[in-house]
C-alpha atoms as a PDB file:
ATOM      1  CA  MET A   1     -13.538 -12.759  20.622  1.00  0.00           C
ATOM      2  CA  ALA A   2     -13.596  -9.538  20.677  1.00  0.00           C
ATOM      3  CA  SER A   3     -15.990  -7.586  18.142  1.00  0.00           C
ATOM      4  CA  CYS A   4     -14.138  -6.635  14.645  1.00  0.00           C
ATOM      5  CA  SER A   5     -17.373  -5.815  12.728  1.00  0.00           C
ATOM      6  CA  ASP A   6     -15.549  -2.042  12.260  1.00  0.00           C
ATOM      7  CA  ILE A   7     -12.065  -3.548  11.229  1.00  0.00           C
ATOM      8  CA  GLU A   8     -13.309  -6.063   8.930  1.00  0.00           C
ATOM      9  CA  GLU A   9     -11.035  -5.268   5.910  1.00  0.00           C
ATOM     10  CA  CYS A  10     -10.449  -7.856   3.568  1.00  0.00           C
ATOM     11  CA  GLU A  11      -6.396  -9.101   4.150  1.00  0.00           C
ATOM     12  CA  SER A  12      -6.475  -8.587   0.530  1.00  0.00           C
ATOM     13  CA  GLU A  13      -6.868  -4.647   0.567  1.00  0.00           C
ATOM     14  CA  ILE A  14      -4.342  -4.129   2.716  1.00  0.00           C
ATOM     15  CA  GLN A  15      -2.039  -1.928   1.098  1.00  0.00           C
ATOM     16  CA  GLU A  16       1.811  -3.050   0.113  1.00  0.00           C
ATOM     17  CA  HIS A  17       4.362  -1.906   2.540  1.00  0.00           C
ATOM     18  CA  PHE A  18       2.068  -1.372   4.961  1.00  0.00           C
ATOM     19  CA  TYR A  19       3.831  -0.407   8.782  1.00  0.00           C
ATOM     20  CA  GLY A  20       1.329   0.730  12.127  1.00  0.00           C
ATOM     21  CA  VAL A  21       1.455   0.894  15.472  1.00  0.00           C
ATOM     22  CA  TYR A  22      -2.333   0.507  17.464  1.00  0.00           C
ATOM     23  CA  LEU A  23      -3.727   0.895  19.998  1.00  0.00           C
ATOM     24  CA  LEU A  24      -5.756  -1.817  21.966  1.00  0.00           C
ATOM     25  CA  TYR A  25      -8.607  -1.961  25.019  1.00  0.00           C
ATOM     26  CA  CYS A  26      -9.642  -4.615  27.082  1.00  0.00           C
ATOM     27  CA  THR A  27     -13.069  -5.582  27.345  1.00  0.00           C
ATOM     28  CA  ASN A  28     -12.883  -8.289  29.926  1.00  0.00           C
ATOM     29  CA  PRO A  29     -14.889  -7.149  32.738  1.00  0.00           C
ATOM     30  CA  LYS A  30     -12.226  -9.129  34.811  1.00  0.00           C
ATOM     31  CA  PHE A  31      -9.433  -6.820  32.896  1.00  0.00           C
ATOM     32  CA  LEU A  32     -11.745  -4.323  31.680  1.00  0.00           C
ATOM     33  CA  GLY A  33      -9.875  -1.165  30.450  1.00  0.00           C
ATOM     34  CA  ARG A  34      -6.602  -2.182  30.306  1.00  0.00           C
ATOM     35  CA  THR A  35      -4.508  -1.573  27.259  1.00  0.00           C
ATOM     36  CA  TYR A  36      -1.690  -2.303  25.155  1.00  0.00           C
ATOM     37  CA  VAL A  37       0.518  -1.205  22.319  1.00  0.00           C
ATOM     38  CA  GLY A  38       1.636  -2.918  19.352  1.00  0.00           C
ATOM     39  CA  PHE A  39       2.943  -2.672  15.898  1.00  0.00           C
ATOM     40  CA  THR A  40       1.928  -4.370  12.611  1.00  0.00           C
ATOM     41  CA  VAL A  41       1.130  -4.879   8.855  1.00  0.00           C
ATOM     42  CA  ASN A  42      -1.823  -6.624   9.125  1.00  0.00           C
ATOM     43  CA  PRO A  43      -3.953  -5.197  11.752  1.00  0.00           C
ATOM     44  CA  LEU A  44      -7.469  -7.671  11.611  1.00  0.00           C
ATOM     45  CA  ARG A  45      -5.417 -10.678  11.174  1.00  0.00           C
ATOM     46  CA  ARG A  46      -3.222  -8.854  14.512  1.00  0.00           C
ATOM     47  CA  VAL A  47      -6.160  -8.387  16.683  1.00  0.00           C
ATOM     48  CA  LYS A  48      -7.609 -12.183  15.586  1.00  0.00           C
ATOM     49  CA  GLN A  49      -3.761 -13.548  17.439  1.00  0.00           C
ATOM     50  CA  HIS A  50      -4.355 -11.620  20.437  1.00  0.00           C
ATOM     51  CA  ASN A  51      -7.327 -12.349  20.887  1.00  0.00           C
ATOM     52  CA  ARG A  52      -6.890 -16.564  20.287  1.00  0.00           C
ATOM     53  CA  GLY A  53      -3.585 -16.254  22.674  1.00  0.00           C
ATOM     54  CA  SER A  54       0.278 -16.162  22.615  1.00  0.00           C
ATOM     55  CA  GLN A  55       0.511 -19.778  21.008  1.00  0.00           C
ATOM     56  CA  PHE A  56      -1.681 -18.355  18.172  1.00  0.00           C
ATOM     57  CA  GLY A  57       0.604 -15.200  17.974  1.00  0.00           C
ATOM     58  CA  GLY A  58      -0.790 -13.260  20.216  1.00  0.00           C
ATOM     59  CA  ALA A  59       1.376 -10.834  22.730  1.00  0.00           C
ATOM     60  CA  ARG A  60       2.022 -13.382  26.435  1.00  0.00           C
ATOM     61  CA  ARG A  61       1.037  -9.482  27.611  1.00  0.00           C
ATOM     62  CA  THR A  62      -2.517  -9.903  26.231  1.00  0.00           C
ATOM     63  CA  SER A  63      -2.997 -13.559  26.025  1.00  0.00           C
ATOM     64  CA  ASN A  64      -5.980 -15.098  28.056  1.00  0.00           C
ATOM     65  CA  LYS A  65      -6.966 -10.807  28.746  1.00  0.00           C
ATOM     66  CA  GLY A  66      -9.182 -10.912  25.962  1.00  0.00           C
ATOM     67  CA  PRO A  67     -11.729 -10.025  24.142  1.00  0.00           C
ATOM     68  CA  TRP A  68      -9.441  -6.749  22.919  1.00  0.00           C
ATOM     69  CA  ASP A  69     -10.842  -4.197  20.222  1.00  0.00           C
ATOM     70  CA  MET A  70      -8.468  -2.602  18.437  1.00  0.00           C
ATOM     71  CA  VAL A  71      -9.247   1.197  18.545  1.00  0.00           C
ATOM     72  CA  LEU A  72      -7.266   3.140  16.595  1.00  0.00           C
ATOM     73  CA  ILE A  73      -3.949   2.479  14.263  1.00  0.00           C
ATOM     74  CA  VAL A  74      -1.433   5.179  13.460  1.00  0.00           C
ATOM     75  CA  HIS A  75       0.038   4.151  10.339  1.00  0.00           C
ATOM     76  CA  GLY A  76       2.091   5.854   6.942  1.00  0.00           C
ATOM     77  CA  PHE A  77       5.900   5.028   8.205  1.00  0.00           C
ATOM     78  CA  PRO A  78       7.772   5.317   5.207  1.00  0.00           C
ATOM     79  CA  ASN A  79       9.443   1.447   6.765  1.00  0.00           C
ATOM     80  CA  ASP A  80       9.066  -0.938   9.365  1.00  0.00           C
ATOM     81  CA  VAL A  81      12.157   0.546  10.982  1.00  0.00           C
ATOM     82  CA  ALA A  82      10.078   3.674  11.866  1.00  0.00           C
ATOM     83  CA  ALA A  83       6.925   1.844  13.269  1.00  0.00           C
ATOM     84  CA  LEU A  84       8.646   0.115  15.320  1.00  0.00           C
ATOM     85  CA  ARG A  85      10.632   2.979  17.160  1.00  0.00           C
ATOM     86  CA  PHE A  86       7.433   5.136  17.261  1.00  0.00           C
ATOM     87  CA  GLU A  87       5.867   1.847  18.877  1.00  0.00           C
ATOM     88  CA  TRP A  88       8.557   1.330  21.849  1.00  0.00           C
ATOM     89  CA  ALA A  89       8.485   5.373  22.339  1.00  0.00           C
ATOM     90  CA  TRP A  90       4.887   5.231  22.900  1.00  0.00           C
ATOM     91  CA  GLN A  91       5.065   1.707  25.009  1.00  0.00           C
ATOM     92  CA  HIS A  92       7.921   3.461  27.119  1.00  0.00           C
ATOM     93  CA  PRO A  93       7.166   6.812  27.299  1.00  0.00           C
ATOM     94  CA  TRP A  94       9.095   7.388  30.356  1.00  0.00           C
ATOM     95  CA  ARG A  95      12.512   5.745  28.784  1.00  0.00           C
ATOM     96  CA  SER A  96      12.222   7.999  24.924  1.00  0.00           C
ATOM     97  CA  ARG A  97      14.463  11.401  25.338  1.00  0.00           C
ATOM     98  CA  ARG A  98      11.779  12.924  22.698  1.00  0.00           C
ATOM     99  CA  LEU A  99       9.223  12.922  25.705  1.00  0.00           C
ATOM    100  CA  ALA A 100      10.970  13.463  28.423  1.00  0.00           C
ATOM    101  CA  HIS A 101       9.699  17.076  28.665  1.00  0.00           C
ATOM    102  CA  LEU A 102       6.168  15.141  29.570  1.00  0.00           C
ATOM    103  CA  GLY A 103       7.737  13.921  33.249  1.00  0.00           C
ATOM    104  CA  ILE A 104       6.097  10.566  32.614  1.00  0.00           C
ATOM    105  CA  SER A 105       6.792   8.188  35.754  1.00  0.00           C
ATOM    106  CA  LYS A 106       6.805   4.733  34.887  1.00  0.00           C
ATOM    107  CA  SER A 107       4.422   3.582  37.596  1.00  0.00           C
ATOM    108  CA  ALA A 108       2.082   5.739  35.198  1.00  0.00           C
ATOM    109  CA  ARG A 109      -1.000   4.122  35.164  1.00  0.00           C
ATOM    110  CA  ARG A 110      -1.715   2.810  31.069  1.00  0.00           C
ATOM    111  CA  THR A 111      -5.287   3.797  30.718  1.00  0.00           C
ATOM    112  CA  MET A 112      -6.586   4.535  27.132  1.00  0.00           C
ATOM    113  CA  THR A 113      -6.862   8.766  28.325  1.00  0.00           C
ATOM    114  CA  PHE A 114      -3.208   8.162  29.407  1.00  0.00           C
ATOM    115  CA  CYS A 115      -1.786   6.536  26.146  1.00  0.00           C
ATOM    116  CA  LEU A 116      -3.648   9.453  24.013  1.00  0.00           C
ATOM    117  CA  SER A 117      -2.362  11.895  25.723  1.00  0.00           C
ATOM    118  CA  VAL A 118       1.345  10.849  24.934  1.00  0.00           C
ATOM    119  CA  VAL A 119       0.673   9.721  21.549  1.00  0.00           C
ATOM    120  CA  ASN A 120      -0.847  12.709  20.571  1.00  0.00           C
ATOM    121  CA  GLU A 121       2.381  14.844  22.198  1.00  0.00           C
ATOM    122  CA  MET A 122       3.793  11.888  19.763  1.00  0.00           C
ATOM    123  CA  LEU A 123       2.768  13.383  17.124  1.00  0.00           C
ATOM    124  CA  ARG A 124       4.030  16.860  17.475  1.00  0.00           C
ATOM    125  CA  VAL A 125       7.272  16.103  18.218  1.00  0.00           C
ATOM    126  CA  GLY A 126      10.233  15.408  15.817  1.00  0.00           C
ATOM    127  CA  PRO A 127      11.067  13.377  14.193  1.00  0.00           C
ATOM    128  CA  TRP A 128       7.165  11.731  13.604  1.00  0.00           C
ATOM    129  CA  ARG A 129       5.787  15.489  12.938  1.00  0.00           C
ATOM    130  CA  ARG A 130       7.688  15.199   9.477  1.00  0.00           C
ATOM    131  CA  LEU A 131       5.652  11.844   8.287  1.00  0.00           C
ATOM    132  CA  PRO A 132       2.897  11.735   6.686  1.00  0.00           C
ATOM    133  CA  LEU A 133       0.949   9.883   9.064  1.00  0.00           C
ATOM    134  CA  THR A 134      -2.976   8.890   9.617  1.00  0.00           C
ATOM    135  CA  LEU A 135      -4.325   8.484  12.624  1.00  0.00           C
ATOM    136  CA  ARG A 136      -7.210   6.260  12.450  1.00  0.00           C
ATOM    137  CA  TRP A 137     -10.002   5.297  15.055  1.00  0.00           C
ATOM    138  CA  LEU A 138     -11.436   1.643  13.787  1.00  0.00           C
ATOM    139  CA  GLN A 139     -13.991   1.872  16.010  1.00  0.00           C
ATOM    140  CA  PRO A 140     -15.703   4.850  16.145  1.00  0.00           C
ATOM    141  CA  LYS A 141     -17.264   4.326  19.641  1.00  0.00           C
ATOM    142  CA  TYR A 142     -14.369   5.379  20.750  1.00  0.00           C
ATOM    143  CA  TYR A 143     -13.463   8.099  19.467  1.00  0.00           C
ATOM    144  CA  ALA A 144     -12.352  10.755  21.585  1.00  0.00           C
ATOM    145  CA  PRO A 145     -11.034  14.991  20.807  1.00  0.00           C
ATOM    146  CA  LEU A 146      -7.546  15.378  20.835  1.00  0.00           C
ATOM    147  CA  LYS A 147      -6.462  18.014  23.835  1.00  0.00           C
ATOM    148  CA  ASN A 148      -3.811  19.290  21.005  1.00  0.00           C
ATOM    149  CA  PRO A 149      -4.212  19.212  17.728  1.00  0.00           C
ATOM    150  CA  LEU A 150      -1.206  17.560  14.938  1.00  0.00           C
ATOM    151  CA  PRO A 151       0.192  19.221  11.879  1.00  0.00           C
ATOM    152  CA  ASP A 152      -1.979  20.293   9.323  1.00  0.00           C
ATOM    153  CA  HIS A 153      -0.697  17.549   7.054  1.00  0.00           C
ATOM    154  CA  MET A 154      -1.316  14.330   9.207  1.00  0.00           C
ATOM    155  CA  LYS A 155      -4.802  12.983   9.521  1.00  0.00           C
ATOM    156  CA  ILE A 156      -7.268  12.218  11.195  1.00  0.00           C
ATOM    157  CA  VAL A 157     -10.008   9.519  10.110  1.00  0.00           C
ATOM    158  CA  LYS A 158     -12.964   7.079  10.984  1.00  0.00           C
ATOM    159  CA  GLY A 159     -13.654   3.510   9.741  1.00  0.00           C
ATOM    160  CA  SER A 160     -11.467   0.492   8.755  1.00  0.00           C
ATOM    161  CA  LEU A 161      -8.610   0.608   6.557  1.00  0.00           C
ATOM    162  CA  ARG A 162      -8.926  -0.282   2.929  1.00  0.00           C
ATOM    163  CA  LYS A 163      -5.773  -0.075   0.223  1.00  0.00           C
ATOM    164  CA  ALA A 164      -8.422   2.216  -1.526  1.00  0.00           C
ATOM    165  CA  ASP A 165      -8.362   4.563   1.328  1.00  0.00           C
ATOM    166  CA  GLN A 166      -4.615   5.048   0.291  1.00  0.00           C
ATOM    167  CA  PRO A 167      -3.500   7.450  -1.398  1.00  0.00           C
ATOM    168  CA  HIS A 168      -0.496   6.206  -2.537  1.00  0.00           C
ATOM    169  CA  GLU A 169      -1.626   5.350  -6.239  1.00  0.00           C
ATOM    170  CA  ALA A 170      -1.857   9.065  -7.212  1.00  0.00           C
ATOM    171  CA  LEU A 171       1.784   9.496  -6.595  1.00  0.00           C
ATOM    172  CA  ALA A 172       2.852   6.950  -8.829  1.00  0.00           C
ATOM    173  CA  ALA A 173       5.328   7.501 -11.731  1.00  0.00           C
ATOM    174  CA  SER A 174       3.812   8.634 -14.948  1.00  0.00           C
ATOM    175  CA  GLU A 175       5.502   9.202 -18.013  1.00  0.00           C
ATOM    176  CA  GLU A 176       5.662  12.521 -17.776  1.00  0.00           C
ATOM    177  CA  CYS A 177       6.803  13.294 -14.271  1.00  0.00           C
ATOM    178  CA  SER A 178       8.201  10.665 -11.598  1.00  0.00           C
ATOM    179  CA  HIS A 179       7.740  13.303  -9.017  1.00  0.00           C
ATOM    180  CA  ALA A 180      10.441  11.977  -7.216  1.00  0.00           C
ATOM    181  CA  ALA A 181      13.470  12.445  -9.631  1.00  0.00           C
ATOM    182  CA  CYS A 182      12.155  15.713 -10.076  1.00  0.00           C
ATOM    183  CA  TRP A 183      12.341  16.651  -5.835  1.00  0.00           C
ATOM    184  CA  ILE A 184      16.058  14.865  -6.052  1.00  0.00           C
ATOM    185  CA  ARG A 185      17.376  16.901  -9.000  1.00  0.00           C
ATOM    186  CA  ARG A 186      15.401  20.273  -7.039  1.00  0.00           C
ATOM    187  CA  ILE A 187      17.689  19.213  -3.602  1.00  0.00           C
ATOM    188  CA  GLY A 188      20.612  18.834  -5.531  1.00  0.00           C
ATOM    189  CA  SER A 189      20.572  22.046  -6.930  1.00  0.00           C
ATOM    190  CA  GLU A 190      19.491  24.145  -4.080  1.00  0.00           C
ATOM    191  CA  GLY A 191      20.644  22.277  -1.264  1.00  0.00           C
ATOM    192  CA  LEU A 192      17.262  21.549   0.354  1.00  0.00           C
ATOM    193  CA  VAL A 193      16.940  19.071   3.376  1.00  0.00           C
ATOM    194  CA  ILE A 194      14.143  16.413   2.552  1.00  0.00           C
ATOM    195  CA  PRO A 195      11.039  18.698   3.122  1.00  0.00           C
ATOM    196  CA  ILE A 196       7.443  17.246   4.125  1.00  0.00           C
ATOM    197  CA  ASP A 197       5.703  18.041   1.279  1.00  0.00           C
ATOM    198  CA  GLY A 198       5.795  20.114  -1.497  1.00  0.00           C
ATOM    199  CA  THR A 199       4.821  21.334  -5.132  1.00  0.00           C
ATOM    200  CA  CYS A 200       6.352  18.756  -7.808  1.00  0.00           C
ATOM    201  CA  PRO A 201       8.921  20.828 -10.097  1.00  0.00           C
ATOM    202  CA  SER A 202       7.682  19.016 -13.479  1.00  0.00           C
ATOM    203  CA  CYS A 203       3.413  18.532 -12.959  1.00  0.00           C
ATOM    204  CA  LYS A 204       3.324  20.934 -10.526  1.00  0.00           C
ATOM    205  CA  LYS A 205       1.108  18.657  -8.289  1.00  0.00           C
ATOM    206  CA  ASN A 206       1.422  18.464  -4.757  1.00  0.00           C
ATOM    207  CA  VAL A 207       2.982  15.451  -2.914  1.00  0.00           C
ATOM    208  CA  MET A 208       4.979  14.458   0.575  1.00  0.00           C
ATOM    209  CA  TRP A 209       7.750  13.117   0.653  1.00  0.00           C
ATOM    210  CA  GLY A 210       6.762  10.197   3.162  1.00  0.00           C
ATOM    211  CA  GLN A 211       4.102   9.118   0.677  1.00  0.00           C
ATOM    212  CA  LEU A 212       6.354   9.494  -2.476  1.00  0.00           C
ATOM    213  CA  VAL A 213       8.943   6.737  -0.775  1.00  0.00           C
ATOM    214  CA  ILE A 214       6.461   4.105   0.208  1.00  0.00           C
ATOM    215  CA  ALA A 215       4.861   5.032  -3.279  1.00  0.00           C
ATOM    216  CA  ASN A 216       8.124   4.049  -5.411  1.00  0.00           C
ATOM    217  CA  ARG A 217       9.206   0.908  -3.571  1.00  0.00           C
ATOM    218  CA  PRO A 218       9.645  -1.956  -5.446  1.00  0.00           C
ATOM    219  CA  PRO A 219       6.854  -4.561  -5.474  1.00  0.00           C
ATOM    220  CA  LYS A 220       6.953  -7.456  -2.409  1.00  0.00           C
ATOM    221  CA  SER A 221       8.730 -10.281  -3.394  1.00  0.00           C
ATOM    222  CA  ALA A 222       7.888 -13.883  -2.513  1.00  0.00           C
ATOM    223  CA  HIS A 223      10.977 -13.882  -0.231  1.00  0.00           C
ATOM    224  CA  ASP A 224      10.003 -10.899   1.840  1.00  0.00           C
ATOM    225  CA  SER A 225       6.267 -12.691   2.883  1.00  0.00           C
END
């Protein structure tokens, strides 16, 4: 089994509407250094599935090759579609038109250094550079500085993922200001495109549009879970 000591967040503490794209690293001496990129709504549960095998929900490519460590996760996507598109591009950078300028070959070795260089560039190009994303190093022992800086509104953090780390509660509507309604009125009156962030016209708080979308989603129903 993989060492999950650095990512032992309680499942109940994972924020609702969480969508993340993660990087696994194989520590099995026979397959040492292999990597895998995937999508999840629950990181702890997902890494356990990978290490237990495909018969328990893990991926075929990782089955019987563990233990795997979940090195990092990119989160903050507004929905699962955005996260799944990010996952696909990270898995297939040679096929993504957003990454065509990198000239990546399909035969390139998927080392951790390679995966980090690809995700570093992905976070700097559209449409992902406009999202309120966080790159979280779940196991600090793997931490490596990125070659190129990320957009100013993105965060690079270390440590396990907990609901308390997420800023969305501070963006929830209040009696004085609903944020979203204020922005919609401003966009309608000024003809603005959807912003990355800005100051709410009513309460003067700085908010990020992507986080605002997540914060104002209705709670999941039993049918959705």
